[in-house]
C-alpha atoms as a PDB file:
ATOM      1  CA  MET A   1      26.529 -39.859 -77.105  1.00  0.00           C
ATOM      2  CA  LEU A   2      30.009 -39.827 -76.017  1.00  0.00           C
ATOM      3  CA  LYS A   3      29.314 -36.851 -74.090  1.00  0.00           C
ATOM      4  CA  GLY A   4      26.302 -37.876 -72.019  1.00  0.00           C
ATOM      5  CA  SER A   5      28.098 -41.339 -71.366  1.00  0.00           C
ATOM      6  CA  THR A   6      30.602 -39.365 -70.152  1.00  0.00           C
ATOM      7  CA  TYR A   7      28.855 -36.907 -67.796  1.00  0.00           C
ATOM      8  CA  TRP A   8      26.952 -40.271 -66.052  1.00  0.00           C
ATOM      9  CA  GLY A   9      30.591 -42.022 -65.854  1.00  0.00           C
ATOM     10  CA  LEU A  10      31.635 -39.280 -63.868  1.00  0.00           C
ATOM     11  CA  MET A  11      29.114 -38.945 -62.061  1.00  0.00           C
ATOM     12  CA  ALA A  12      29.351 -42.436 -60.716  1.00  0.00           C
ATOM     13  CA  THR A  13      32.513 -42.380 -59.940  1.00  0.00           C
ATOM     14  CA  SER A  14      31.662 -39.182 -58.334  1.00  0.00           C
ATOM     15  CA  LEU A  15      28.261 -40.962 -56.211  1.00  0.00           C
ATOM     16  CA  CYS A  16      31.240 -44.123 -55.160  1.00  0.00           C
ATOM     17  CA  PHE A  17      33.502 -41.109 -54.209  1.00  0.00           C
ATOM     18  CA  VAL A  18      31.434 -39.400 -52.103  1.00  0.00           C
ATOM     19  CA  TRP A  19      30.117 -42.225 -50.772  1.00  0.00           C
ATOM     20  CA  GLY A  20      33.148 -44.203 -49.774  1.00  0.00           C
ATOM     21  CA  CYS A  21      32.267 -46.466 -52.346  1.00  0.00           C
ATOM     22  CA  SER A  22      35.587 -47.039 -53.888  1.00  0.00           C
ATOM     23  CA  GLU A  23      37.623 -47.757 -50.672  1.00  0.00           C
ATOM     24  CA  SER A  24      34.400 -50.344 -49.488  1.00  0.00           C
ATOM     25  CA  LYS A  25      32.579 -53.106 -51.325  1.00  0.00           C
ATOM     26  CA  SER A  26      29.688 -53.157 -49.359  1.00  0.00           C
ATOM     27  CA  GLU A  27      26.363 -53.563 -51.093  1.00  0.00           C
ATOM     28  CA  THR A  28      23.862 -50.870 -48.825  1.00  0.00           C
ATOM     29  CA  ALA A  29      27.019 -48.313 -50.798  1.00  0.00           C
ATOM     30  CA  GLN A  30      26.633 -49.954 -54.035  1.00  0.00           C
ATOM     31  CA  GLU A  31      22.856 -49.788 -54.590  1.00  0.00           C
ATOM     32  CA  GLN A  32      23.066 -46.758 -52.950  1.00  0.00           C
ATOM     33  CA  VAL A  33      25.343 -45.675 -56.251  1.00  0.00           C
ATOM     34  CA  ALA A  34      22.645 -47.322 -58.990  1.00  0.00           C
ATOM     35  CA  GLU A  35      19.599 -45.477 -57.198  1.00  0.00           C
ATOM     36  CA  ALA A  36      21.110 -42.379 -57.309  1.00  0.00           C
ATOM     37  CA  VAL A  37      22.566 -42.883 -61.420  1.00  0.00           C
ATOM     38  CA  ALA A  38      19.184 -44.377 -61.976  1.00  0.00           C
ATOM     39  CA  ALA A  39      17.407 -41.034 -61.156  1.00  0.00           C
ATOM     40  CA  ALA A  40      20.045 -38.660 -62.306  1.00  0.00           C
ATOM     41  CA  ALA A  41      19.722 -40.254 -65.392  1.00  0.00           C
ATOM     42  CA  GLU A  42      15.393 -40.095 -65.643  1.00  0.00           C
ATOM     43  CA  THR A  43      16.022 -36.281 -66.053  1.00  0.00           C
ATOM     44  CA  ASP A  44      18.157 -34.765 -68.748  1.00  0.00           C
ATOM     45  CA  PRO A  45      20.914 -33.530 -67.188  1.00  0.00           C
ATOM     46  CA  LEU A  46      21.375 -30.375 -69.107  1.00  0.00           C
ATOM     47  CA  ALA A  47      17.218 -29.272 -68.262  1.00  0.00           C
ATOM     48  CA  GLY A  48      18.136 -29.667 -64.648  1.00  0.00           C
ATOM     49  CA  ALA A  49      18.754 -25.886 -63.732  1.00  0.00           C
ATOM     50  CA  ASP A  50      15.568 -25.049 -65.700  1.00  0.00           C
ATOM     51  CA  ALA A  51      13.440 -27.138 -64.229  1.00  0.00           C
ATOM     52  CA  LEU A  52      14.696 -25.702 -61.060  1.00  0.00           C
ATOM     53  CA  ALA A  53      14.585 -22.015 -62.115  1.00  0.00           C
ATOM     54  CA  ASP A  54      10.795 -23.001 -63.428  1.00  0.00           C
ATOM     55  CA  ASP A  55       9.331 -23.999 -59.962  1.00  0.00           C
ATOM     56  CA  SER A  56      11.139 -21.615 -57.710  1.00  0.00           C
ATOM     57  CA  ALA A  57       9.826 -18.293 -56.781  1.00  0.00           C
ATOM     58  CA  VAL A  58      11.754 -15.052 -57.383  1.00  0.00           C
ATOM     59  CA  ASP A  59      13.095 -12.483 -55.002  1.00  0.00           C
ATOM     60  CA  GLU A  60      11.938  -9.602 -55.231  1.00  0.00           C
ATOM     61  CA  ASN A  61      14.142  -8.281 -52.913  1.00  0.00           C
ATOM     62  CA  LEU A  62      17.385  -8.700 -54.507  1.00  0.00           C
ATOM     63  CA  GLY A  63      15.732  -9.462 -58.490  1.00  0.00           C
ATOM     64  CA  TYR A  64      16.904 -12.726 -58.538  1.00  0.00           C
ATOM     65  CA  GLU A  65      15.487 -16.890 -58.812  1.00  0.00           C
ATOM     66  CA  ASP A  66      16.816 -19.220 -56.176  1.00  0.00           C
ATOM     67  CA  GLN A  67      18.466 -22.318 -57.714  1.00  0.00           C
ATOM     68  CA  GLY A  68      16.947 -23.644 -54.466  1.00  0.00           C
ATOM     69  CA  ALA A  69      19.569 -26.351 -52.786  1.00  0.00           C
ATOM     70  CA  ALA A  70      23.335 -26.574 -53.807  1.00  0.00           C
ATOM     71  CA  ASN A  71      23.972 -29.874 -55.754  1.00  0.00           C
ATOM     72  CA  PRO A  72      27.659 -31.336 -53.902  1.00  0.00           C
ATOM     73  CA  ILE A  73      27.300 -33.612 -57.287  1.00  0.00           C
ATOM     74  CA  LYS A  74      26.747 -30.808 -59.892  1.00  0.00           C
ATOM     75  CA  GLN A  75      29.776 -29.198 -58.392  1.00  0.00           C
ATOM     76  CA  ILE A  76      32.686 -31.798 -58.177  1.00  0.00           C
ATOM     77  CA  LEU A  77      31.666 -31.997 -61.363  1.00  0.00           C
ATOM     78  CA  GLU A  78      31.204 -28.746 -63.497  1.00  0.00           C
ATOM     79  CA  GLY A  79      32.972 -26.946 -60.406  1.00  0.00           C
ATOM     80  CA  GLU A  80      32.652 -23.668 -58.828  1.00  0.00           C
ATOM     81  CA  PRO A  81      32.653 -20.100 -61.104  1.00  0.00           C
ATOM     82  CA  VAL A  82      33.899 -18.854 -57.026  1.00  0.00           C
ATOM     83  CA  GLU A  83      36.328 -19.248 -54.474  1.00  0.00           C
ATOM     84  CA  VAL A  84      36.152 -18.587 -50.822  1.00  0.00           C
ATOM     85  CA  SER A  85      38.168 -17.036 -48.489  1.00  0.00           C
ATOM     86  CA  PHE A  86      38.598 -14.570 -45.478  1.00  0.00           C
ATOM     87  CA  ASN A  87      40.832 -12.030 -44.047  1.00  0.00           C
ATOM     88  CA  MET A  88      41.138 -10.241 -41.166  1.00  0.00           C
ATOM     89  CA  ASN A  89      39.206  -7.386 -40.791  1.00  0.00           C
ATOM     90  CA  GLU A  90      41.217  -4.804 -38.918  1.00  0.00           C
ATOM     91  CA  PHE A  91      39.240  -2.135 -39.172  1.00  0.00           C
ATOM     92  CA  ASN A  92      36.380  -3.288 -36.973  1.00  0.00           C
ATOM     93  CA  THR A  93      39.255  -5.130 -34.817  1.00  0.00           C
ATOM     94  CA  LYS A  94      40.707  -2.045 -34.021  1.00  0.00           C
ATOM     95  CA  VAL A  95      37.097  -0.993 -33.006  1.00  0.00           C
ATOM     96  CA  TYR A  96      35.989  -3.663 -31.428  1.00  0.00           C
ATOM     97  CA  GLY A  97      38.732  -4.557 -29.946  1.00  0.00           C
ATOM     98  CA  LYS A  98      38.350  -8.280 -30.763  1.00  0.00           C
ATOM     99  CA  LEU A  99      39.279 -10.362 -34.323  1.00  0.00           C
ATOM    100  CA  ALA A 100      36.967  -9.297 -36.853  1.00  0.00           C
ATOM    101  CA  TYR A 101      36.763 -11.225 -39.982  1.00  0.00           C
ATOM    102  CA  ASN A 102      35.777 -10.953 -43.831  1.00  0.00           C
ATOM    103  CA  ILE A 103      34.110 -13.534 -46.320  1.00  0.00           C
ATOM    104  CA  VAL A 104      36.076 -12.686 -49.302  1.00  0.00           C
ATOM    105  CA  ILE A 105      34.196 -13.846 -53.203  1.00  0.00           C
ATOM    106  CA  GLN A 106      36.962 -14.179 -56.019  1.00  0.00           C
ATOM    107  CA  SER A 107      35.583 -15.126 -59.456  1.00  0.00           C
ATOM    108  CA  LYS A 108      36.629 -18.087 -61.303  1.00  0.00           C
ATOM    109  CA  VAL A 109      34.483 -17.256 -63.769  1.00  0.00           C
ATOM    110  CA  ASP A 110      34.041 -13.731 -66.389  1.00  0.00           C
ATOM    111  CA  ASP A 111      30.804 -13.439 -65.750  1.00  0.00           C
ATOM    112  CA  VAL A 112      29.622 -13.914 -62.034  1.00  0.00           C
ATOM    113  CA  THR A 113      26.716 -12.534 -60.342  1.00  0.00           C
ATOM    114  CA  ILE A 114      26.689 -13.227 -56.126  1.00  0.00           C
ATOM    115  CA  ASN A 115      23.550 -12.960 -55.450  1.00  0.00           C
ATOM    116  CA  ASP A 116      23.726 -14.349 -51.476  1.00  0.00           C
ATOM    117  CA  ILE A 117      25.551 -15.789 -49.002  1.00  0.00           C
ATOM    118  CA  ILE A 118      24.708 -17.994 -46.362  1.00  0.00           C
ATOM    119  CA  ILE A 119      26.788 -19.047 -43.568  1.00  0.00           C
ATOM    120  CA  ASN A 120      26.071 -22.039 -41.306  1.00  0.00           C
ATOM    121  CA  ARG A 121      22.456 -22.673 -43.201  1.00  0.00           C
ATOM    122  CA  GLY A 122      22.091 -18.751 -41.743  1.00  0.00           C
ATOM    123  CA  ASN A 123      22.689 -20.118 -37.979  1.00  0.00           C
ATOM    124  CA  ASN A 124      24.459 -17.512 -35.110  1.00  0.00           C
ATOM    125  CA  CYS A 125      26.433 -16.264 -38.254  1.00  0.00           C
ATOM    126  CA  GLY A 126      25.864 -13.990 -41.252  1.00  0.00           C
ATOM    127  CA  ILE A 127      27.277 -11.140 -43.457  1.00  0.00           C
ATOM    128  CA  GLY A 128      27.283  -8.196 -41.594  1.00  0.00           C
ATOM    129  CA  GLU A 129      23.539  -5.698 -42.745  1.00  0.00           C
ATOM    130  CA  TYR A 130      25.376  -3.177 -44.093  1.00  0.00           C
ATOM    131  CA  ASP A 131      27.972  -4.740 -46.271  1.00  0.00           C
ATOM    132  CA  HIS A 132      24.394  -6.898 -47.040  1.00  0.00           C
ATOM    133  CA  ASN A 133      22.270  -3.939 -48.645  1.00  0.00           C
ATOM    134  CA  LYS A 134      24.797  -2.120 -49.819  1.00  0.00           C
ATOM    135  CA  LYS A 135      27.161  -4.556 -51.829  1.00  0.00           C
ATOM    136  CA  LEU A 136      24.782  -7.434 -52.690  1.00  0.00           C
ATOM    137  CA  PRO A 137      24.191  -7.980 -54.904  1.00  0.00           C
ATOM    138  CA  ALA A 138      28.044  -8.511 -56.416  1.00  0.00           C
ATOM    139  CA  ASN A 139      28.240  -8.510 -59.805  1.00  0.00           C
ATOM    140  CA  LEU A 140      32.468  -9.674 -61.004  1.00  0.00           C
ATOM    141  CA  LYS A 141      34.540 -10.030 -63.438  1.00  0.00           C
ATOM    142  CA  PHE A 142      37.325 -13.041 -64.225  1.00  0.00           C
ATOM    143  CA  GLY A 143      39.845 -12.299 -60.488  1.00  0.00           C
ATOM    144  CA  GLN A 144      37.721 -10.035 -59.274  1.00  0.00           C
ATOM    145  CA  MET A 145      36.120  -9.996 -55.729  1.00  0.00           C
ATOM    146  CA  VAL A 146      34.107  -9.006 -53.390  1.00  0.00           C
ATOM    147  CA  GLU A 147      35.071  -8.278 -49.496  1.00  0.00           C
ATOM    148  CA  LEU A 148      32.224  -8.442 -46.497  1.00  0.00           C
ATOM    149  CA  SER A 149      32.045  -8.735 -43.020  1.00  0.00           C
ATOM    150  CA  ILE A 150      30.701 -11.526 -41.192  1.00  0.00           C
ATOM    151  CA  ASN A 151      29.314 -11.264 -37.623  1.00  0.00           C
ATOM    152  CA  CYS A 152      31.426 -14.104 -36.043  1.00  0.00           C
ATOM    153  CA  ASP A 153      34.611 -15.253 -35.786  1.00  0.00           C
ATOM    154  CA  ALA A 154      35.821 -16.980 -39.263  1.00  0.00           C
ATOM    155  CA  ASN A 155      36.677 -20.673 -37.147  1.00  0.00           C
ATOM    156  CA  PHE A 156      32.721 -21.079 -36.399  1.00  0.00           C
ATOM    157  CA  ALA A 157      31.624 -21.384 -40.124  1.00  0.00           C
ATOM    158  CA  LYS A 158      31.580 -24.990 -40.828  1.00  0.00           C
ATOM    159  CA  GLU A 159      29.366 -24.064 -43.826  1.00  0.00           C
ATOM    160  CA  ILE A 160      28.976 -21.264 -47.120  1.00  0.00           C
ATOM    161  CA  GLU A 161      27.008 -21.181 -49.662  1.00  0.00           C
ATOM    162  CA  VAL A 162      26.947 -18.849 -52.422  1.00  0.00           C
ATOM    163  CA  LYS A 163      24.011 -17.914 -54.761  1.00  0.00           C
ATOM    164  CA  THR A 164      25.005 -17.164 -58.597  1.00  0.00           C
ATOM    165  CA  ASN A 165      23.544 -17.382 -61.625  1.00  0.00           C
ATOM    166  CA  TYR A 166      25.068 -20.326 -62.106  1.00  0.00           C
ATOM    167  CA  GLY A 167      23.360 -21.424 -58.977  1.00  0.00           C
ATOM    168  CA  ASN A 168      23.942 -22.343 -55.522  1.00  0.00           C
ATOM    169  CA  TYR A 169      27.443 -23.804 -54.286  1.00  0.00           C
ATOM    170  CA  GLN A 170      28.198 -24.933 -50.409  1.00  0.00           C
ATOM    171  CA  PHE A 171      31.441 -24.552 -49.355  1.00  0.00           C
ATOM    172  CA  GLY A 172      32.623 -26.795 -46.543  1.00  0.00           C
ATOM    173  CA  ALA A 173      35.178 -25.094 -43.892  1.00  0.00           C
ATOM    174  CA  ILE A 174      37.525 -22.840 -45.388  1.00  0.00           C
ATOM    175  CA  ARG A 175      41.518 -23.024 -43.912  1.00  0.00           C
ATOM    176  CA  ARG A 176      41.915 -19.052 -42.631  1.00  0.00           C
END
């Protein structure tokens, strides 16, 4: 009971923060929060991941189930199992004569599987084909990382979605 109350209280606070009603007292923002909390209360928070898994199709090529779109509220409450950063790819920079970058995914949990990485929703930026085929899926223990070449300038990566066995997680523009 107390755990459930704490969960919904944190969710309402997060929604207020996300929609800006913590600073703004507008009725529409408060109504949106109330509607979102009511909709979330109708579903069991622990069964939400199971329901998504049942409704999604299994990707036969990678052997994992896509858990659907990333849930920013769940991500705020539970945290991410991975951390995302960029490094310069010195080898490709020398070969091609222009700056090349790698995306680095590091585990923050004991065991995580990185199934896929989508950069800018798949528009004009992505993981290099060789790394995508040879290094994914990647099983990582705490502190381990996988480094993958990307086919664009890291400064143009505005949104990164990391698909894991824990679910899908979105990251905004990341400092280099």
